[in-house]
Amino acid sequence: PETRGSQVIVHGKVWAPPAPAEYYRRRDELWGAVEAGYRRLAAVRELVIIEGAGSPAEPNLMARDLTNMAIARLARAPVLLVGDIDRGGVFAALLGTLALLPAGDRRRVKGFIINKFRGDPGLLAPAISFLQTRSRRPVLGVVPYLQDLRLPEEDSVALEGPSPREGRSVAVVRLPHIANFTDFDPLALEPGTTVRYVHHPDELAGAGLILVPGSKDTLADLRWLRVSGFAEALVRHVEQGGALGGICGGYQMLGLRVEDPERLEGGGAEDGLGLLPVVTTLAREKITRRVRARLAHGGPAFEAYEIHLGRTAAPDRLPPFALIEEGGGWRPDGAVSREGRVWGTYLHGLFDAGSARRAILERHLGRVLGGTPAPDYRELREQEYDRLAEALGSTLDLPALFALAGLSAGGA
């Protein structure tokens, strides 16, 4: 809502951020990357599942489509339309989408799936019969709404709802270009810990720990922190004894300066909040790697990952936030202020490990989160995927789906 821009990633690397007109003018160049990616996958995999984005039947977008029916045509793939009944109007949406598709694309649609249904599926029988009769296509399953399914959200739009007001312990600044927002999902696993995504500085009241997340446009978000009043509020929070952490782009913003000599984010430089004595230079080559790390003040090692454009220089005397295993030793990552209340790191997935998550919260919230062992978010996530798989397996017409994909009933 705060920004109209998008970040384009091509084969894992940031594509120069274009204006909308430039993006559409270079559509064929991007399509070449899409086609190459699909053919590379299809050459080594028996089954490729293509997920669309948004609606495949927007009249103003169909001619420039990269993610829906265009890739289905390239792959000569059968298409299923999936509708979210929890939002309402699903039958009109499915029939309307089918009607708006060009005839060739319409023929690719082989059926429907209804998602997130609450209640007795038998109550839908008349509506399903109507949909199948009008469309001449089957409904291949009604997937139930799974209460409290703890899986990462796909899109930052999920952060736009109202934040919980009780238990104000951790606040995450909702940057306009927020990235990797799922970093903070595991925090809510801890008893009595509430995570709030805040849009305005006055919502920071009561937070013991404030976190600044990663960003797809660090310079723009740094400017926004000042214009919105967040910069002043964050500095005041620290001066009053509060704790403040930054991950990736958030870490960069807490420093002295962020420079963009290669114009990766429009060029220029911006002064940071000055809470950590570090300077970041954005570089074209993006660092993407899985790492094994541990908090600098101790504790067991954990798995994490780095994905960033910046190179951050810190004084040798500055304590690191974490240590990363490398070449038989440990290299420093991030920085911690002298009084220990401000820190920054490039480690994503930091809070997935129960030991690291609990150590950080206990240090900054001033209370012990003992009792049950700290849950490992990765293990919990696998359990939730199993729960989802069980629900899909019991409600979808799997033989029909396998047949559409050209597979035997036993799957791939």
Protein backbone atom coordinates (compact mmCIF):
# COMPACT_ATOMS: atom_id res chain seq x y z
CA PRO A 1 0.00 0.00 0.00
CA GLU A 2 2.83 2.45 0.71
CA THR A 3 4.67 1.71 -2.53
CA ARG A 4 3.85 0.92 -6.11
CA GLY A 5 7.16 -0.66 -6.92
CA SER A 6 8.16 -4.29 -7.17
CA GLN A 7 11.47 -6.07 -7.06
CA VAL A 8 12.22 -8.36 -9.99
CA ILE A 9 14.43 -11.41 -9.36
CA VAL A 10 15.85 -13.24 -12.40
CA HIS A 11 17.53 -16.59 -11.71
CA GLY A 12 18.19 -15.61 -8.11
CA LYS A 13 19.66 -12.18 -8.85
CA VAL A 14 18.09 -8.74 -8.60
CA TRP A 15 17.12 -7.33 -11.99
CA ALA A 16 17.62 -3.58 -12.33
CA PRO A 17 14.49 -2.05 -10.76
CA PRO A 18 12.60 -0.65 -13.75
CA ALA A 19 9.79 1.85 -14.02
CA PRO A 20 6.52 0.08 -14.95
CA ALA A 21 6.78 1.21 -18.58
CA GLU A 22 10.35 -0.11 -18.83
CA TYR A 23 9.32 -3.39 -17.21
CA TYR A 24 6.60 -3.94 -19.80
CA ARG A 25 8.85 -2.84 -22.67
CA ARG A 26 11.39 -5.51 -21.68
CA ARG A 27 8.78 -8.21 -21.17
CA ASP A 28 10.26 -10.39 -23.92
CA GLU A 29 13.65 -10.33 -22.19
CA LEU A 30 12.03 -11.51 -18.97
CA TRP A 31 10.00 -14.12 -20.80
CA GLY A 32 13.24 -15.61 -22.10
CA ALA A 33 14.38 -16.11 -18.50
CA VAL A 34 11.04 -17.72 -17.58
CA GLU A 35 11.21 -20.08 -20.55
CA ALA A 36 14.82 -21.04 -19.82
CA GLY A 37 13.97 -21.73 -16.19
CA TYR A 38 11.03 -23.94 -17.09
CA ARG A 39 12.96 -25.94 -19.69
CA ARG A 40 15.83 -26.49 -17.25
CA LEU A 41 13.41 -27.88 -14.65
CA ALA A 42 11.45 -29.98 -17.12
CA ALA A 43 14.65 -31.63 -18.35
CA VAL A 44 15.45 -33.09 -14.93
CA ARG A 45 12.05 -33.57 -13.27
CA GLU A 46 9.16 -35.89 -14.05
CA LEU A 47 6.59 -33.46 -12.66
CA VAL A 48 6.69 -29.65 -12.60
CA ILE A 49 3.91 -27.85 -10.72
CA ILE A 50 3.37 -24.27 -11.88
CA GLU A 51 1.80 -21.88 -9.39
CA GLY A 52 0.05 -18.84 -10.78
CA ALA A 53 -0.07 -15.40 -9.21
CA GLY A 54 -3.16 -13.27 -8.83
CA SER A 55 -5.89 -13.76 -11.40
CA PRO A 56 -5.22 -15.30 -14.83
CA ALA A 57 -8.10 -13.35 -16.38
CA GLU A 58 -7.31 -9.66 -15.90
CA PRO A 59 -8.08 -8.07 -19.31
CA ASN A 60 -5.46 -5.34 -18.85
CA LEU A 61 -2.69 -7.83 -18.02
CA MET A 62 -3.34 -10.92 -20.15
CA ALA A 63 -1.30 -9.72 -23.12
CA ARG A 64 1.76 -9.20 -20.88
CA ASP A 65 1.21 -12.22 -18.62
CA LEU A 66 4.35 -14.00 -17.41
CA THR A 67 3.06 -16.06 -14.50
CA ASN A 68 -0.29 -17.63 -15.36
CA MET A 69 -1.64 -18.84 -18.70
CA ALA A 70 1.47 -17.88 -20.66
CA ILE A 71 3.61 -20.41 -18.80
CA ALA A 72 0.77 -22.95 -18.95
CA ARG A 73 0.77 -22.59 -22.75
CA LEU A 74 4.55 -22.98 -22.87
CA ALA A 75 4.38 -26.17 -20.80
CA ARG A 76 1.20 -27.41 -22.50
CA ALA A 77 -0.04 -27.97 -18.99
CA PRO A 78 -3.55 -28.69 -17.74
CA VAL A 79 -4.82 -25.94 -15.44
CA LEU A 80 -6.83 -26.07 -12.22
CA LEU A 81 -8.56 -22.98 -10.85
CA VAL A 82 -8.41 -22.81 -7.04
CA GLY A 83 -10.85 -20.55 -5.20
CA ASP A 84 -10.78 -19.34 -1.60
CA ILE A 85 -14.32 -19.80 -0.28
CA ASP A 86 -13.43 -18.19 3.04
CA ARG A 87 -13.40 -14.79 1.31
CA GLY A 88 -16.88 -15.32 -0.15
CA GLY A 89 -18.13 -15.26 -3.75
CA VAL A 90 -16.05 -18.24 -4.81
CA PHE A 91 -18.52 -19.70 -7.33
CA ALA A 92 -18.97 -16.38 -9.13
CA ALA A 93 -15.20 -15.91 -9.13
CA LEU A 94 -14.51 -19.34 -10.64
CA LEU A 95 -17.20 -19.07 -13.32
CA GLY A 96 -16.27 -15.46 -14.06
CA THR A 97 -12.59 -16.30 -14.44
CA LEU A 98 -13.40 -19.15 -16.80
CA ALA A 99 -15.68 -16.92 -18.89
CA LEU A 100 -13.06 -14.16 -19.23
CA LEU A 101 -10.29 -16.44 -20.47
CA PRO A 102 -9.69 -16.64 -24.23
CA ALA A 103 -11.07 -19.81 -25.79
CA GLY A 104 -7.67 -21.52 -26.05
CA ASP A 105 -6.81 -20.86 -22.43
CA ARG A 106 -10.31 -21.87 -21.35
CA ARG A 107 -9.78 -25.29 -22.89
CA ARG A 108 -6.71 -25.76 -20.69
CA VAL A 109 -8.82 -25.46 -17.53
CA LYS A 110 -9.65 -29.02 -16.49
CA GLY A 111 -11.35 -28.46 -13.16
CA PHE A 112 -11.69 -26.57 -9.89
CA ILE A 113 -10.59 -26.89 -6.27
CA ILE A 114 -12.39 -25.07 -3.48
CA ASN A 115 -10.11 -24.07 -0.62
CA LYS A 116 -10.63 -23.10 3.05
CA PHE A 117 -14.18 -24.37 3.55
CA ARG A 118 -15.52 -24.24 7.11
CA GLY A 119 -18.23 -26.76 7.97
CA ASP A 120 -19.88 -29.79 6.39
CA PRO A 121 -18.84 -30.19 2.72
CA GLY A 122 -22.21 -31.84 2.06
CA LEU A 123 -23.82 -28.42 2.39
CA LEU A 124 -22.00 -27.35 -0.78
CA ALA A 125 -23.49 -30.12 -2.93
CA PRO A 126 -26.09 -27.92 -4.73
CA ALA A 127 -23.51 -25.21 -5.47
CA ILE A 128 -20.93 -27.71 -6.69
CA SER A 129 -23.51 -29.34 -8.94
CA PHE A 130 -24.39 -25.92 -10.35
CA LEU A 131 -20.72 -25.06 -10.98
CA GLN A 132 -20.02 -28.38 -12.68
CA THR A 133 -23.11 -28.12 -14.88
CA ARG A 134 -22.44 -24.53 -15.96
CA SER A 135 -18.72 -25.05 -16.56
CA ARG A 136 -18.76 -28.67 -17.76
CA ARG A 137 -15.76 -29.25 -15.55
CA PRO A 138 -15.38 -31.22 -12.30
CA VAL A 139 -14.72 -29.96 -8.82
CA LEU A 140 -11.75 -32.09 -7.75
CA GLY A 141 -11.91 -31.39 -4.05
CA VAL A 142 -13.11 -29.21 -1.20
CA VAL A 143 -10.18 -28.49 1.12
CA PRO A 144 -11.13 -27.64 4.72
CA TYR A 145 -10.08 -24.53 6.55
CA LEU A 146 -7.24 -25.64 8.84
CA GLN A 147 -7.43 -23.72 12.10
CA ASP A 148 -4.13 -22.30 13.41
CA LEU A 149 -2.05 -23.70 10.55
CA ARG A 150 1.36 -22.34 11.45
CA LEU A 151 3.04 -21.99 8.07
CA PRO A 152 4.80 -18.94 6.62
CA GLU A 153 2.64 -16.48 4.72
CA GLU A 154 3.38 -16.17 1.03
CA ASP A 155 2.96 -12.42 0.69
CA SER A 156 3.41 -9.35 2.89
CA VAL A 157 -0.25 -8.49 2.25
CA ALA A 158 -0.90 -10.91 5.13
CA LEU A 159 0.66 -8.33 7.47
CA GLU A 160 -1.97 -5.70 6.74
CA GLY A 161 -4.53 -6.89 9.29
CA PRO A 162 -4.85 -5.36 12.77
CA SER A 163 -2.08 -6.26 15.18
CA PRO A 164 -2.82 -7.82 18.57
CA ARG A 165 -2.93 -5.20 21.29
CA GLU A 166 -2.26 -7.41 24.29
CA GLY A 167 1.15 -8.53 25.57
CA ARG A 168 3.09 -5.78 23.82
CA SER A 169 6.53 -7.31 23.93
CA VAL A 170 7.99 -7.37 20.38
CA ALA A 171 7.23 -4.82 17.64
CA VAL A 172 8.34 -5.22 14.02
CA VAL A 173 8.48 -2.05 11.91
CA ARG A 174 6.30 -2.57 8.83
CA LEU A 175 8.61 -1.11 6.17
CA PRO A 176 7.04 -0.22 2.79
CA HIS A 177 9.49 -2.58 1.04
CA ILE A 178 9.63 -5.23 3.77
CA ALA A 179 11.45 -8.47 2.90
CA ASN A 180 11.82 -11.84 4.62
CA PHE A 181 9.04 -10.94 7.05
CA THR A 182 8.66 -14.62 7.98
CA ASP A 183 11.88 -14.22 10.00
CA PHE A 184 9.67 -13.16 12.90
CA ASP A 185 6.99 -15.86 12.84
CA PRO A 186 8.82 -18.11 15.36
CA LEU A 187 8.81 -15.40 18.04
CA ALA A 188 5.11 -15.98 18.69
CA LEU A 189 5.89 -19.57 19.74
CA GLU A 190 7.25 -18.35 23.06
CA PRO A 191 4.76 -18.16 25.95
CA GLY A 192 3.47 -14.67 26.64
CA THR A 193 5.24 -13.19 23.62
CA THR A 194 3.19 -11.14 21.18
CA VAL A 195 4.57 -9.99 17.81
CA ARG A 196 3.06 -6.83 16.32
CA TYR A 197 3.73 -5.32 12.87
CA VAL A 198 3.50 -1.59 13.43
CA HIS A 199 2.69 1.02 10.79
CA HIS A 200 3.00 4.18 12.92
CA PRO A 201 5.52 5.28 15.56
CA ASP A 202 2.84 5.67 18.25
CA GLU A 203 2.21 1.91 18.02
CA LEU A 204 5.68 1.24 19.45
CA ALA A 205 4.56 2.07 22.98
CA GLY A 206 4.98 -0.85 25.35
CA ALA A 207 7.41 -2.83 23.19
CA GLY A 208 10.41 -4.18 25.06
CA LEU A 209 12.15 -5.18 21.81
CA ILE A 210 11.73 -3.45 18.45
CA LEU A 211 12.95 -5.15 15.27
CA VAL A 212 13.69 -3.55 11.90
CA PRO A 213 13.33 -6.19 9.16
CA GLY A 214 15.01 -6.69 5.82
CA SER A 215 14.12 -4.48 2.86
CA LYS A 216 13.92 -4.76 -0.91
CA ASP A 217 14.90 -1.07 -1.13
CA THR A 218 17.00 -0.06 1.84
CA LEU A 219 17.60 3.56 0.80
CA ALA A 220 13.90 4.22 0.19
CA ASP A 221 12.91 2.62 3.48
CA LEU A 222 15.59 4.57 5.32
CA ARG A 223 14.11 7.79 3.96
CA TRP A 224 10.65 6.56 4.96
CA LEU A 225 11.82 5.96 8.54
CA ARG A 226 12.66 9.65 8.79
CA VAL A 227 9.59 11.04 7.04
CA SER A 228 7.22 8.81 9.02
CA GLY A 229 8.74 9.70 12.38
CA PHE A 230 9.99 6.18 13.04
CA ALA A 231 13.68 7.20 13.03
CA GLU A 232 13.18 9.66 15.87
CA ALA A 233 10.99 7.18 17.77
CA LEU A 234 13.56 4.37 17.45
CA VAL A 235 16.39 6.56 18.71
CA ARG A 236 14.22 7.71 21.61
CA HIS A 237 13.33 4.08 22.42
CA VAL A 238 17.03 3.22 22.76
CA GLU A 239 17.79 6.36 24.79
CA GLN A 240 15.05 5.34 27.22
CA GLY A 241 16.61 1.90 27.72
CA GLY A 242 14.74 -0.15 25.12
CA ALA A 243 16.26 -2.83 22.91
CA LEU A 244 16.47 -2.54 19.12
CA GLY A 245 17.58 -5.12 16.55
CA GLY A 246 17.97 -5.08 12.79
CA ILE A 247 18.17 -7.96 10.35
CA CYS A 248 19.81 -7.55 6.93
CA GLY A 249 18.51 -4.24 5.53
CA GLY A 250 17.35 -3.32 9.01
CA TYR A 251 20.91 -3.81 10.26
CA GLN A 252 22.19 -1.53 7.50
CA MET A 253 19.70 1.20 8.46
CA LEU A 254 20.86 1.21 12.08
CA GLY A 255 24.39 2.14 10.98
CA LEU A 256 26.05 5.44 10.10
CA ARG A 257 25.52 5.40 6.35
CA VAL A 258 24.28 3.32 3.38
CA GLU A 259 25.92 4.01 0.00
CA ASP A 260 24.77 2.88 -3.46
CA PRO A 261 27.59 3.67 -5.93
CA GLU A 262 26.31 1.20 -8.55
CA ARG A 263 22.77 2.62 -8.51
CA LEU A 264 21.24 -0.71 -7.51
CA GLU A 265 18.52 1.12 -5.58
CA GLY A 266 18.53 4.38 -7.51
CA GLY A 267 21.99 5.57 -6.48
CA GLY A 268 23.20 8.04 -3.90
CA ALA A 269 23.63 7.57 -0.19
CA GLU A 270 21.65 8.05 2.99
CA ASP A 271 22.71 8.61 6.56
CA GLY A 272 21.57 5.80 8.83
CA LEU A 273 20.14 6.13 12.32
CA GLY A 274 23.65 6.24 13.76
CA LEU A 275 22.99 3.64 16.45
CA LEU A 276 25.77 1.31 15.28
CA PRO A 277 29.18 2.58 13.99
CA VAL A 278 29.01 0.68 10.69
CA VAL A 279 28.91 1.76 7.03
CA THR A 280 27.26 -0.28 4.28
CA THR A 281 28.04 -0.22 0.56
CA LEU A 282 25.55 -1.91 -1.77
CA ALA A 283 27.26 -4.25 -4.26
CA ARG A 284 25.87 -5.85 -7.41
CA GLU A 285 26.85 -9.41 -6.52
CA LYS A 286 24.27 -10.77 -4.11
CA ILE A 287 25.48 -13.00 -1.29
CA THR A 288 23.25 -16.06 -0.92
CA ARG A 289 24.42 -18.89 1.30
CA ARG A 290 23.34 -21.24 4.04
CA VAL A 291 25.46 -20.99 7.15
CA ARG A 292 26.00 -22.53 10.56
CA ALA A 293 26.25 -19.90 13.27
CA ARG A 294 26.06 -19.23 16.99
CA LEU A 295 25.42 -16.14 19.07
CA ALA A 296 28.66 -14.38 19.97
CA HIS A 297 27.90 -14.42 23.71
CA GLY A 298 27.50 -18.21 23.68
CA GLY A 299 25.00 -20.98 23.14
CA PRO A 300 24.66 -23.87 20.69
CA ALA A 301 25.15 -23.54 16.94
CA PHE A 302 22.14 -23.19 14.65
CA GLU A 303 21.35 -23.15 10.93
CA ALA A 304 20.61 -19.83 9.18
CA TYR A 305 21.11 -18.16 5.81
CA GLU A 306 22.39 -14.93 4.28
CA ILE A 307 20.82 -13.15 1.31
CA HIS A 308 21.95 -9.55 0.86
CA LEU A 309 23.52 -7.04 -1.52
CA GLY A 310 25.33 -4.95 1.09
CA ARG A 311 28.89 -5.18 2.40
CA THR A 312 29.03 -3.70 5.89
CA ALA A 313 32.28 -2.45 7.42
CA ALA A 314 32.53 -2.37 11.20
CA PRO A 315 35.42 -1.29 13.47
CA ASP A 316 37.51 -4.17 14.78
CA ARG A 317 36.74 -3.18 18.37
CA LEU A 318 32.98 -3.53 17.84
CA PRO A 319 31.57 -6.76 19.32
CA PRO A 320 29.93 -9.02 16.72
CA PHE A 321 26.36 -10.21 17.12
CA ALA A 322 27.10 -13.76 15.96
CA LEU A 323 29.87 -16.02 14.70
CA ILE A 324 29.59 -17.95 11.43
CA GLU A 325 31.43 -21.21 10.87
CA GLU A 326 33.79 -20.89 7.92
CA GLY A 327 36.98 -22.61 6.81
CA GLY A 328 37.50 -24.46 10.06
CA GLY A 329 37.01 -21.32 12.15
CA TRP A 330 34.43 -18.69 13.00
CA ARG A 331 34.06 -15.29 11.33
CA PRO A 332 32.17 -12.38 12.91
CA ASP A 333 28.72 -11.35 11.76
CA GLY A 334 26.84 -8.18 12.58
CA ALA A 335 27.47 -5.81 15.43
CA VAL A 336 26.33 -5.00 18.97
CA SER A 337 26.43 -1.56 20.57
CA ARG A 338 28.63 -0.95 23.60
CA GLU A 339 25.73 -1.08 26.07
CA GLY A 340 24.32 -4.19 24.33
CA ARG A 341 20.83 -2.84 23.60
CA VAL A 342 21.27 -2.30 19.83
CA TRP A 343 22.33 -5.06 17.48
CA GLY A 344 22.31 -5.95 13.82
CA THR A 345 22.91 -9.13 11.84
CA TYR A 346 22.75 -10.57 8.32
CA LEU A 347 21.38 -13.88 9.60
CA HIS A 348 17.93 -14.81 8.36
CA GLY A 349 16.21 -17.71 10.11
CA LEU A 350 17.86 -16.55 13.32
CA PHE A 351 14.72 -17.14 15.39
CA ASP A 352 13.96 -20.59 13.96
CA ALA A 353 16.33 -22.21 16.45
CA GLY A 354 14.68 -22.36 19.86
CA SER A 355 17.87 -21.79 21.84
CA ALA A 356 18.89 -18.62 19.97
CA ARG A 357 15.35 -17.24 19.92
CA ARG A 358 14.85 -17.75 23.63
CA ALA A 359 18.28 -16.32 24.53
CA ILE A 360 17.57 -13.10 22.61
CA LEU A 361 14.08 -12.66 24.04
CA GLU A 362 15.18 -13.37 27.61
CA ARG A 363 18.03 -10.89 27.32
CA HIS A 364 15.92 -8.05 25.94
CA LEU A 365 12.52 -8.65 27.55
CA GLY A 366 14.02 -9.13 30.99
CA ARG A 367 12.16 -12.28 31.88
CA VAL A 368 12.87 -16.00 31.83
CA LEU A 369 10.88 -18.03 29.30
CA GLY A 370 11.63 -21.35 30.97
CA GLY A 371 9.26 -24.25 31.47
CA THR A 372 8.78 -26.30 28.34
CA PRO A 373 11.82 -26.64 26.05
CA ALA A 374 12.10 -23.97 23.38
CA PRO A 375 10.40 -25.40 20.27
CA ASP A 376 12.41 -25.63 17.06
CA TYR A 377 10.50 -23.78 14.36
CA ARG A 378 11.82 -25.98 11.55
CA GLU A 379 10.52 -29.11 13.27
CA LEU A 380 7.18 -27.45 13.94
CA ARG A 381 6.94 -26.37 10.31
CA GLU A 382 7.52 -29.94 9.12
CA GLN A 383 4.72 -31.12 11.41
CA GLU A 384 2.41 -28.49 9.93
CA TYR A 385 3.31 -29.51 6.37
CA ASP A 386 2.41 -33.08 7.32
CA ARG A 387 -0.91 -31.83 8.66
CA LEU A 388 -1.58 -29.95 5.42
CA ALA A 389 -0.59 -32.96 3.30
CA GLU A 390 -2.96 -35.19 5.24
CA ALA A 391 -5.82 -32.75 4.69
CA LEU A 392 -5.11 -32.50 0.96
CA GLY A 393 -4.73 -36.25 0.57
CA SER A 394 -8.07 -36.92 2.20
CA THR A 395 -10.10 -34.27 0.34
CA LEU A 396 -8.69 -34.08 -3.19
CA ASP A 397 -9.47 -36.52 -6.01
CA LEU A 398 -5.89 -37.77 -6.26
CA PRO A 399 -6.48 -40.35 -9.04
CA ALA A 400 -7.98 -37.61 -11.20
CA LEU A 401 -5.09 -35.25 -10.44
CA PHE A 402 -2.49 -37.91 -11.24
CA ALA A 403 -4.28 -38.68 -14.50
CA LEU A 404 -4.24 -35.00 -15.49
CA ALA A 405 -0.49 -34.93 -14.85
CA GLY A 406 0.05 -38.10 -16.87
CA LEU A 407 1.16 -40.08 -13.83
CA SER A 408 0.07 -43.40 -12.40
CA ALA A 409 -2.19 -43.40 -9.34
CA GLY A 410 0.87 -44.01 -7.17
CA GLY A 411 2.24 -40.60 -8.12
CA ALA A 412 5.74 -39.69 -9.27
